[in-house]
Amino acid sequence: MTVKKGDFVRMDYTESVDGKVIATTDKDVATASGIFEEDAQYGPHLVIIGAGQVVPGLDDELVGKETGVTGRIEVPPEKAFGEHDPKKVETVPATRFKTEQKPTPGMRVSAEGKTGVVTRIIGRKVVVDFNHLLAGKTIVYDYKIVDEVQDRLEKLKAMIKTFSRADLEAKLDGDVATIYVPWELNYYKEWFMIRRGLADMIIQHLGLNEVDYVEKHTGAKVSAELISPPAKEQAGEAGAGAAQTASEPKPEAESTGSSPA
């Protein structure tokens, strides 16, 4: 079957920069490359073609391909995370950082809704690069389109699993989706952001009218790796810059850092 925009496909991929693997859905490749993470999800990753979940160059590559096909593509910066913009490199006073979190080169920091990396310390000045970590880089993708998800309920469940990192019970009744959520997820502050973004994506890509969340109390313990649903950052600022795990084609390499006050 030929892939077209709007299709839900599962794909395996390995993403490399300058000859180094930085993300993959293959556990063995991750282990061999030294990037294996115990809590990461490995195996085919759900991609909605044309939804901005992957860089534009890879999105374009997948359109027109047959399910089961394998391929490799080199995506230039302008079709990936953009060229490196010198205007996004800023110098800020060291006094803007919290005293208990002294900035050091390589540290990830946040300021005014932007995330960047400290590149230099010059006296009491801190140079922060707010470009994407992969700006200016050519990205190489080795991929395989494993299969296509066609059943509407299966699409719903796949979206929930991919974007919430949790196995949640769900059902469809006409154009209304109901997602049953263990009450323990309220302990995760990320969940409050995730559920809104997830609902918006479900309505948009499944053509539903409503998404209802029903809180469940069962006494069972819940464990989940919660990440934000794709934000349209790279392919427009919401779809390409999702929080990164080893199974996501769009790396955002987010690590704990300091925040300017």
C-alpha atoms as a PDB file:
ATOM      1  CA  MET A   1       0.000   0.000   0.000  1.00  0.00           C
ATOM      2  CA  THR A   2       1.303   3.442  -0.931  1.00  0.00           C
ATOM      3  CA  VAL A   3       1.808   5.903   1.926  1.00  0.00           C
ATOM      4  CA  LYS A   4       0.097   9.288   1.669  1.00  0.00           C
ATOM      5  CA  LYS A   5      -0.387  12.307   3.893  1.00  0.00           C
ATOM      6  CA  GLY A   6      -2.659  11.606   6.850  1.00  0.00           C
ATOM      7  CA  ASP A   7      -1.771   7.905   7.002  1.00  0.00           C
ATOM      8  CA  PHE A   8      -0.762   6.295  10.297  1.00  0.00           C
ATOM      9  CA  VAL A   9       2.346   4.151   9.835  1.00  0.00           C
ATOM     10  CA  ARG A  10       4.686   2.313  12.150  1.00  0.00           C
ATOM     11  CA  MET A  11       8.323   2.733  11.232  1.00  0.00           C
ATOM     12  CA  ASP A  12      11.730   1.673  12.447  1.00  0.00           C
ATOM     13  CA  TYR A  13      14.598   4.085  11.995  1.00  0.00           C
ATOM     14  CA  THR A  14      18.122   4.934  12.996  1.00  0.00           C
ATOM     15  CA  GLU A  15      19.138   8.590  13.054  1.00  0.00           C
ATOM     16  CA  SER A  16      22.779   9.625  12.649  1.00  0.00           C
ATOM     17  CA  VAL A  17      24.723  12.886  12.655  1.00  0.00           C
ATOM     18  CA  ASP A  18      28.341  13.128  11.526  1.00  0.00           C
ATOM     19  CA  GLY A  19      28.506   9.325  11.418  1.00  0.00           C
ATOM     20  CA  LYS A  20      27.301   8.919  15.001  1.00  0.00           C
ATOM     21  CA  VAL A  21      23.985   7.283  15.927  1.00  0.00           C
ATOM     22  CA  ILE A  22      21.981   9.650  18.117  1.00  0.00           C
ATOM     23  CA  ALA A  23      18.560   7.939  18.152  1.00  0.00           C
ATOM     24  CA  THR A  24      17.076   4.623  17.067  1.00  0.00           C
ATOM     25  CA  THR A  25      14.092   2.354  17.514  1.00  0.00           C
ATOM     26  CA  ASP A  26      16.360  -0.715  17.461  1.00  0.00           C
ATOM     27  CA  LYS A  27      17.425  -1.882  20.917  1.00  0.00           C
ATOM     28  CA  ASP A  28      20.481  -3.719  19.572  1.00  0.00           C
ATOM     29  CA  VAL A  29      21.635  -0.687  17.601  1.00  0.00           C
ATOM     30  CA  ALA A  30      21.139   1.514  20.658  1.00  0.00           C
ATOM     31  CA  THR A  31      23.215  -0.860  22.772  1.00  0.00           C
ATOM     32  CA  ALA A  32      25.999  -1.116  20.197  1.00  0.00           C
ATOM     33  CA  SER A  33      26.050   2.661  19.801  1.00  0.00           C
ATOM     34  CA  GLY A  34      26.216   3.336  23.539  1.00  0.00           C
ATOM     35  CA  ILE A  35      22.890   5.181  23.703  1.00  0.00           C
ATOM     36  CA  PHE A  36      20.700   2.445  25.202  1.00  0.00           C
ATOM     37  CA  GLU A  37      18.306   3.682  27.868  1.00  0.00           C
ATOM     38  CA  GLU A  38      16.560   1.250  30.187  1.00  0.00           C
ATOM     39  CA  ASP A  39      13.285   3.199  30.265  1.00  0.00           C
ATOM     40  CA  ALA A  40      13.162   4.077  26.573  1.00  0.00           C
ATOM     41  CA  GLN A  41      10.622   2.489  24.252  1.00  0.00           C
ATOM     42  CA  TYR A  42      12.109   0.464  21.421  1.00  0.00           C
ATOM     43  CA  GLY A  43      10.318  -1.004  18.437  1.00  0.00           C
ATOM     44  CA  PRO A  44       8.364   0.539  15.544  1.00  0.00           C
ATOM     45  CA  HIS A  45       7.335   4.147  16.153  1.00  0.00           C
ATOM     46  CA  LEU A  46       3.963   5.579  15.157  1.00  0.00           C
ATOM     47  CA  VAL A  47       4.171   8.431  12.653  1.00  0.00           C
ATOM     48  CA  ILE A  48       1.237  10.340  11.196  1.00  0.00           C
ATOM     49  CA  ILE A  49       2.422  11.326   7.736  1.00  0.00           C
ATOM     50  CA  GLY A  50       2.347  15.073   7.186  1.00  0.00           C
ATOM     51  CA  ALA A  51       1.574  15.887  10.827  1.00  0.00           C
ATOM     52  CA  GLY A  52       4.988  17.397  11.519  1.00  0.00           C
ATOM     53  CA  GLN A  53       6.133  14.635  13.855  1.00  0.00           C
ATOM     54  CA  VAL A  54       9.367  14.184  11.956  1.00  0.00           C
ATOM     55  CA  VAL A  55      11.610  16.649  10.151  1.00  0.00           C
ATOM     56  CA  PRO A  56      10.148  17.916   6.844  1.00  0.00           C
ATOM     57  CA  GLY A  57      12.778  16.117   4.751  1.00  0.00           C
ATOM     58  CA  LEU A  58      11.896  12.728   6.209  1.00  0.00           C
ATOM     59  CA  ASP A  59       8.173  13.464   6.056  1.00  0.00           C
ATOM     60  CA  ASP A  60       8.471  14.222   2.334  1.00  0.00           C
ATOM     61  CA  GLU A  61      10.568  11.078   1.801  1.00  0.00           C
ATOM     62  CA  LEU A  62       7.882   8.790   3.228  1.00  0.00           C
ATOM     63  CA  VAL A  63       5.059  10.053   0.989  1.00  0.00           C
ATOM     64  CA  GLY A  64       4.585   7.729  -1.970  1.00  0.00           C
ATOM     65  CA  LYS A  65       6.593   4.868  -0.485  1.00  0.00           C
ATOM     66  CA  GLU A  66       5.166   1.364  -0.093  1.00  0.00           C
ATOM     67  CA  THR A  67       4.703  -0.246   3.307  1.00  0.00           C
ATOM     68  CA  GLY A  68       7.547  -2.667   3.964  1.00  0.00           C
ATOM     69  CA  VAL A  69      10.084  -0.540   2.087  1.00  0.00           C
ATOM     70  CA  THR A  70      13.483   0.307   3.566  1.00  0.00           C
ATOM     71  CA  GLY A  71      15.541   3.339   2.668  1.00  0.00           C
ATOM     72  CA  ARG A  72      18.152   5.912   3.589  1.00  0.00           C
ATOM     73  CA  ILE A  73      17.997   9.660   3.237  1.00  0.00           C
ATOM     74  CA  GLU A  74      20.359  12.516   4.036  1.00  0.00           C
ATOM     75  CA  VAL A  75      18.335  15.503   5.177  1.00  0.00           C
ATOM     76  CA  PRO A  76      20.067  18.895   4.839  1.00  0.00           C
ATOM     77  CA  PRO A  77      19.688  21.515   7.611  1.00  0.00           C
ATOM     78  CA  GLU A  78      17.018  23.496   5.773  1.00  0.00           C
ATOM     79  CA  LYS A  79      14.821  20.356   5.695  1.00  0.00           C
ATOM     80  CA  ALA A  80      15.743  19.292   9.226  1.00  0.00           C
ATOM     81  CA  PHE A  81      16.339  21.616  12.181  1.00  0.00           C
ATOM     82  CA  GLY A  82      17.310  24.694  10.223  1.00  0.00           C
ATOM     83  CA  GLU A  83      20.568  26.524   9.708  1.00  0.00           C
ATOM     84  CA  HIS A  84      22.473  27.776  12.742  1.00  0.00           C
ATOM     85  CA  ASP A  85      21.304  31.351  13.364  1.00  0.00           C
ATOM     86  CA  PRO A  86      23.925  33.631  15.006  1.00  0.00           C
ATOM     87  CA  LYS A  87      21.094  35.901  16.155  1.00  0.00           C
ATOM     88  CA  LYS A  88      19.941  33.143  18.505  1.00  0.00           C
ATOM     89  CA  VAL A  89      23.256  33.220  20.388  1.00  0.00           C
ATOM     90  CA  GLU A  90      22.824  35.621  23.286  1.00  0.00           C
ATOM     91  CA  THR A  91      25.019  36.961  26.073  1.00  0.00           C
ATOM     92  CA  VAL A  92      23.302  37.311  29.441  1.00  0.00           C
ATOM     93  CA  PRO A  93      24.597  38.470  32.848  1.00  0.00           C
ATOM     94  CA  ALA A  94      25.609  35.668  35.207  1.00  0.00           C
ATOM     95  CA  THR A  95      23.441  37.348  37.837  1.00  0.00           C
ATOM     96  CA  ARG A  96      20.353  36.141  35.969  1.00  0.00           C
ATOM     97  CA  PHE A  97      21.108  32.578  37.025  1.00  0.00           C
ATOM     98  CA  LYS A  98      20.067  31.168  40.356  1.00  0.00           C
ATOM     99  CA  THR A  99      22.978  31.308  42.786  1.00  0.00           C
ATOM    100  CA  GLU A 100      22.710  27.603  43.633  1.00  0.00           C
ATOM    101  CA  GLN A 101      22.964  26.651  39.940  1.00  0.00           C
ATOM    102  CA  LYS A 102      26.194  28.089  38.630  1.00  0.00           C
ATOM    103  CA  PRO A 103      26.220  27.961  34.799  1.00  0.00           C
ATOM    104  CA  THR A 104      28.878  25.845  33.113  1.00  0.00           C
ATOM    105  CA  PRO A 105      29.607  25.172  29.409  1.00  0.00           C
ATOM    106  CA  GLY A 106      27.279  22.492  28.041  1.00  0.00           C
ATOM    107  CA  MET A 107      24.534  23.155  30.584  1.00  0.00           C
ATOM    108  CA  ARG A 108      20.956  23.288  29.277  1.00  0.00           C
ATOM    109  CA  VAL A 109      19.161  26.427  30.445  1.00  0.00           C
ATOM    110  CA  SER A 110      15.762  28.056  29.995  1.00  0.00           C
ATOM    111  CA  ALA A 111      14.957  31.735  29.683  1.00  0.00           C
ATOM    112  CA  GLU A 112      11.806  33.536  28.565  1.00  0.00           C
ATOM    113  CA  GLY A 113      10.262  30.330  27.235  1.00  0.00           C
ATOM    114  CA  LYS A 114      13.379  29.375  25.253  1.00  0.00           C
ATOM    115  CA  THR A 115      15.786  26.510  25.862  1.00  0.00           C
ATOM    116  CA  GLY A 116      19.471  26.807  25.046  1.00  0.00           C
ATOM    117  CA  VAL A 117      22.967  25.615  25.838  1.00  0.00           C
ATOM    118  CA  VAL A 118      25.684  27.520  27.665  1.00  0.00           C
ATOM    119  CA  THR A 119      28.653  27.704  25.296  1.00  0.00           C
ATOM    120  CA  ARG A 120      31.072  30.082  27.047  1.00  0.00           C
ATOM    121  CA  ILE A 121      31.618  31.920  30.308  1.00  0.00           C
ATOM    122  CA  ILE A 122      33.314  35.304  29.869  1.00  0.00           C
ATOM    123  CA  GLY A 123      33.889  36.936  33.212  1.00  0.00           C
ATOM    124  CA  ARG A 124      30.417  37.633  34.556  1.00  0.00           C
ATOM    125  CA  LYS A 125      28.800  37.100  31.170  1.00  0.00           C
ATOM    126  CA  VAL A 126      27.252  33.829  29.977  1.00  0.00           C
ATOM    127  CA  VAL A 127      26.959  33.019  26.266  1.00  0.00           C
ATOM    128  CA  VAL A 128      23.842  30.914  25.541  1.00  0.00           C
ATOM    129  CA  ASP A 129      23.042  29.325  22.163  1.00  0.00           C
ATOM    130  CA  PHE A 130      19.273  29.118  21.715  1.00  0.00           C
ATOM    131  CA  ASN A 131      19.480  27.306  18.385  1.00  0.00           C
ATOM    132  CA  HIS A 132      18.231  23.722  18.225  1.00  0.00           C
ATOM    133  CA  LEU A 133      21.030  21.330  19.183  1.00  0.00           C
ATOM    134  CA  LEU A 134      21.045  19.956  15.635  1.00  0.00           C
ATOM    135  CA  ALA A 135      20.761  23.287  13.815  1.00  0.00           C
ATOM    136  CA  GLY A 136      23.137  23.397  10.856  1.00  0.00           C
ATOM    137  CA  LYS A 137      23.508  19.605  10.798  1.00  0.00           C
ATOM    138  CA  THR A 138      22.750  17.143   8.009  1.00  0.00           C
ATOM    139  CA  ILE A 139      20.721  14.278   9.473  1.00  0.00           C
ATOM    140  CA  VAL A 140      20.914  10.739   8.065  1.00  0.00           C
ATOM    141  CA  TYR A 141      17.933   8.420   8.489  1.00  0.00           C
ATOM    142  CA  ASP A 142      17.947   4.676   7.819  1.00  0.00           C
ATOM    143  CA  TYR A 143      14.307   3.657   7.957  1.00  0.00           C
ATOM    144  CA  LYS A 144      11.759   0.933   7.324  1.00  0.00           C
ATOM    145  CA  ILE A 145       8.020   1.483   6.986  1.00  0.00           C
ATOM    146  CA  VAL A 146       6.820  -1.559   8.896  1.00  0.00           C
ATOM    147  CA  ASP A 147       3.056  -1.333   8.394  1.00  0.00           C
ATOM    148  CA  GLU A 148       0.037   0.949   8.275  1.00  0.00           C
ATOM    149  CA  VAL A 149      -2.550   1.316  11.043  1.00  0.00           C
ATOM    150  CA  GLN A 150      -6.022   1.451   9.484  1.00  0.00           C
ATOM    151  CA  ASP A 151      -8.545   0.574  12.197  1.00  0.00           C
ATOM    152  CA  ARG A 152      -9.838   3.747  13.890  1.00  0.00           C
ATOM    153  CA  LEU A 153      -9.731   2.349  17.424  1.00  0.00           C
ATOM    154  CA  GLU A 154      -6.228   1.014  16.862  1.00  0.00           C
ATOM    155  CA  LYS A 155      -5.176   4.458  15.635  1.00  0.00           C
ATOM    156  CA  LEU A 156      -6.579   5.959  18.846  1.00  0.00           C
ATOM    157  CA  LYS A 157      -4.728   3.470  21.040  1.00  0.00           C
ATOM    158  CA  ALA A 158      -1.509   3.936  19.076  1.00  0.00           C
ATOM    159  CA  MET A 159      -1.678   7.713  19.519  1.00  0.00           C
ATOM    160  CA  ILE A 160      -2.286   7.361  23.255  1.00  0.00           C
ATOM    161  CA  LYS A 161       0.641   4.957  23.642  1.00  0.00           C
ATOM    162  CA  THR A 162       3.015   7.049  21.540  1.00  0.00           C
ATOM    163  CA  PHE A 163       2.265  10.470  22.958  1.00  0.00           C
ATOM    164  CA  SER A 164       1.495   9.691  26.605  1.00  0.00           C
ATOM    165  CA  ARG A 165       4.010   6.853  27.106  1.00  0.00           C
ATOM    166  CA  ALA A 166       1.297   4.965  28.989  1.00  0.00           C
ATOM    167  CA  ASP A 167      -1.007   2.056  28.175  1.00  0.00           C
ATOM    168  CA  LEU A 168      -4.425   3.558  28.791  1.00  0.00           C
ATOM    169  CA  GLU A 169      -7.774   1.918  28.176  1.00  0.00           C
ATOM    170  CA  ALA A 170      -9.843   3.696  25.517  1.00  0.00           C
ATOM    171  CA  LYS A 171     -13.031   3.270  23.520  1.00  0.00           C
ATOM    172  CA  LEU A 172     -14.844   4.940  20.641  1.00  0.00           C
ATOM    173  CA  ASP A 173     -18.541   5.716  20.546  1.00  0.00           C
ATOM    174  CA  GLY A 174     -19.328   7.393  17.252  1.00  0.00           C
ATOM    175  CA  ASP A 175     -17.254  10.565  17.109  1.00  0.00           C
ATOM    176  CA  VAL A 176     -16.465  10.581  20.832  1.00  0.00           C
ATOM    177  CA  ALA A 177     -13.343   9.008  22.336  1.00  0.00           C
ATOM    178  CA  THR A 178     -13.204   8.061  26.005  1.00  0.00           C
ATOM    179  CA  ILE A 179      -9.828   7.542  27.667  1.00  0.00           C
ATOM    180  CA  TYR A 180      -9.712   5.949  31.109  1.00  0.00           C
ATOM    181  CA  VAL A 181      -6.957   7.447  33.244  1.00  0.00           C
ATOM    182  CA  PRO A 182      -5.660   5.986  36.549  1.00  0.00           C
ATOM    183  CA  TRP A 183      -5.923   8.705  39.176  1.00  0.00           C
ATOM    184  CA  GLU A 184      -2.220   8.280  40.003  1.00  0.00           C
ATOM    185  CA  LEU A 185      -1.287  10.081  36.792  1.00  0.00           C
ATOM    186  CA  ASN A 186      -2.316  13.293  38.526  1.00  0.00           C
ATOM    187  CA  TYR A 187       0.987  13.041  40.411  1.00  0.00           C
ATOM    188  CA  TYR A 188       2.807  13.725  37.122  1.00  0.00           C
ATOM    189  CA  LYS A 189       2.792  17.447  36.453  1.00  0.00           C
ATOM    190  CA  GLU A 190       3.488  16.689  32.778  1.00  0.00           C
ATOM    191  CA  TRP A 191       0.163  14.900  32.459  1.00  0.00           C
ATOM    192  CA  PHE A 192      -1.817  18.137  32.612  1.00  0.00           C
ATOM    193  CA  MET A 193      -0.013  19.379  29.497  1.00  0.00           C
ATOM    194  CA  ILE A 194      -0.014  16.022  27.767  1.00  0.00           C
ATOM    195  CA  ARG A 195      -3.749  15.391  28.024  1.00  0.00           C
ATOM    196  CA  ARG A 196      -4.630  18.672  26.292  1.00  0.00           C
ATOM    197  CA  GLY A 197      -2.152  18.166  23.463  1.00  0.00           C
ATOM    198  CA  LEU A 198      -3.161  14.517  23.079  1.00  0.00           C
ATOM    199  CA  ALA A 199      -6.866  15.432  22.887  1.00  0.00           C
ATOM    200  CA  ASP A 200      -6.154  18.087  20.246  1.00  0.00           C
ATOM    201  CA  MET A 201      -4.187  15.605  18.127  1.00  0.00           C
ATOM    202  CA  ILE A 202      -6.864  12.921  18.426  1.00  0.00           C
ATOM    203  CA  ILE A 203      -9.614  15.318  17.357  1.00  0.00           C
ATOM    204  CA  GLN A 204      -7.545  16.662  14.479  1.00  0.00           C
ATOM    205  CA  HIS A 205      -6.213  13.400  13.064  1.00  0.00           C
ATOM    206  CA  LEU A 206      -9.149  11.078  13.757  1.00  0.00           C
ATOM    207  CA  GLY A 207     -11.866  13.578  12.894  1.00  0.00           C
ATOM    208  CA  LEU A 208     -13.604  13.229  16.257  1.00  0.00           C
ATOM    209  CA  ASN A 209     -15.860  15.768  17.940  1.00  0.00           C
ATOM    210  CA  GLU A 210     -14.910  15.115  21.551  1.00  0.00           C
ATOM    211  CA  VAL A 211     -12.347  13.440  23.811  1.00  0.00           C
ATOM    212  CA  ASP A 212     -13.410  12.556  27.360  1.00  0.00           C
ATOM    213  CA  TYR A 213     -11.003  11.614  30.145  1.00  0.00           C
ATOM    214  CA  VAL A 214     -12.494   9.399  32.843  1.00  0.00           C
ATOM    215  CA  GLU A 215     -10.535   9.051  36.091  1.00  0.00           C
ATOM    216  CA  LYS A 216     -10.227   5.499  37.387  1.00  0.00           C
ATOM    217  CA  HIS A 217      -9.611   4.389  40.981  1.00  0.00           C
ATOM    218  CA  THR A 218      -8.504   0.761  41.188  1.00  0.00           C
ATOM    219  CA  GLY A 219      -5.799   0.723  43.872  1.00  0.00           C
ATOM    220  CA  ALA A 220      -3.268  -0.636  41.373  1.00  0.00           C
ATOM    221  CA  LYS A 221       0.089   1.117  41.047  1.00  0.00           C
ATOM    222  CA  VAL A 222       0.819   2.832  37.772  1.00  0.00           C
ATOM    223  CA  SER A 223       4.136   3.428  36.132  1.00  0.00           C
ATOM    224  CA  ALA A 224       4.557   5.485  32.981  1.00  0.00           C
ATOM    225  CA  GLU A 225       7.230   7.429  31.176  1.00  0.00           C
ATOM    226  CA  LEU A 226       5.415  10.652  30.432  1.00  0.00           C
ATOM    227  CA  ILE A 227       6.578  12.997  27.735  1.00  0.00           C
ATOM    228  CA  SER A 228       4.975  15.969  26.079  1.00  0.00           C
ATOM    229  CA  PRO A 229       3.142  15.279  22.832  1.00  0.00           C
ATOM    230  CA  PRO A 230       4.914  16.635  19.779  1.00  0.00           C
ATOM    231  CA  ALA A 231       5.034  20.411  19.788  1.00  0.00           C
ATOM    232  CA  LYS A 232       5.190  22.075  16.394  1.00  0.00           C
ATOM    233  CA  GLU A 233       8.637  23.471  16.923  1.00  0.00           C
ATOM    234  CA  GLN A 234      10.692  22.311  14.006  1.00  0.00           C
ATOM    235  CA  ALA A 235       8.162  21.862  11.219  1.00  0.00           C
ATOM    236  CA  GLY A 236       6.447  25.002  12.222  1.00  0.00           C
ATOM    237  CA  GLU A 237       6.832  25.066  16.029  1.00  0.00           C
ATOM    238  CA  ALA A 238       4.870  22.055  17.150  1.00  0.00           C
ATOM    239  CA  GLY A 239       5.340  18.593  15.805  1.00  0.00           C
ATOM    240  CA  ALA A 240       8.963  18.381  15.234  1.00  0.00           C
ATOM    241  CA  GLY A 241      10.341  19.193  18.622  1.00  0.00           C
ATOM    242  CA  ALA A 242       8.860  16.701  20.957  1.00  0.00           C
ATOM    243  CA  ALA A 243      10.597  15.591  24.072  1.00  0.00           C
ATOM    244  CA  GLN A 244      13.125  13.004  23.114  1.00  0.00           C
ATOM    245  CA  THR A 245      13.305   9.299  23.810  1.00  0.00           C
ATOM    246  CA  ALA A 246      15.309   6.665  22.004  1.00  0.00           C
ATOM    247  CA  SER A 247      12.273   5.819  19.909  1.00  0.00           C
ATOM    248  CA  GLU A 248      11.457   9.244  18.501  1.00  0.00           C
ATOM    249  CA  PRO A 249      12.722  10.480  15.161  1.00  0.00           C
ATOM    250  CA  LYS A 250      12.848  14.090  16.332  1.00  0.00           C
ATOM    251  CA  PRO A 251      15.600  14.572  18.929  1.00  0.00           C
ATOM    252  CA  GLU A 252      15.360  17.409  21.390  1.00  0.00           C
ATOM    253  CA  ALA A 253      18.108  16.091  23.671  1.00  0.00           C
ATOM    254  CA  GLU A 254      16.619  17.659  26.765  1.00  0.00           C
ATOM    255  CA  SER A 255      18.700  17.268  29.915  1.00  0.00           C
ATOM    256  CA  THR A 256      18.417  18.818  33.329  1.00  0.00           C
ATOM    257  CA  GLY A 257      19.946  22.226  33.500  1.00  0.00           C
ATOM    258  CA  SER A 258      19.750  25.627  35.103  1.00  0.00           C
ATOM    259  CA  SER A 259      17.203  28.363  34.636  1.00  0.00           C
ATOM    260  CA  PRO A 260      17.993  32.044  34.609  1.00  0.00           C
ATOM    261  CA  ALA A 261      15.951  33.809  37.232  1.00  0.00           C
END
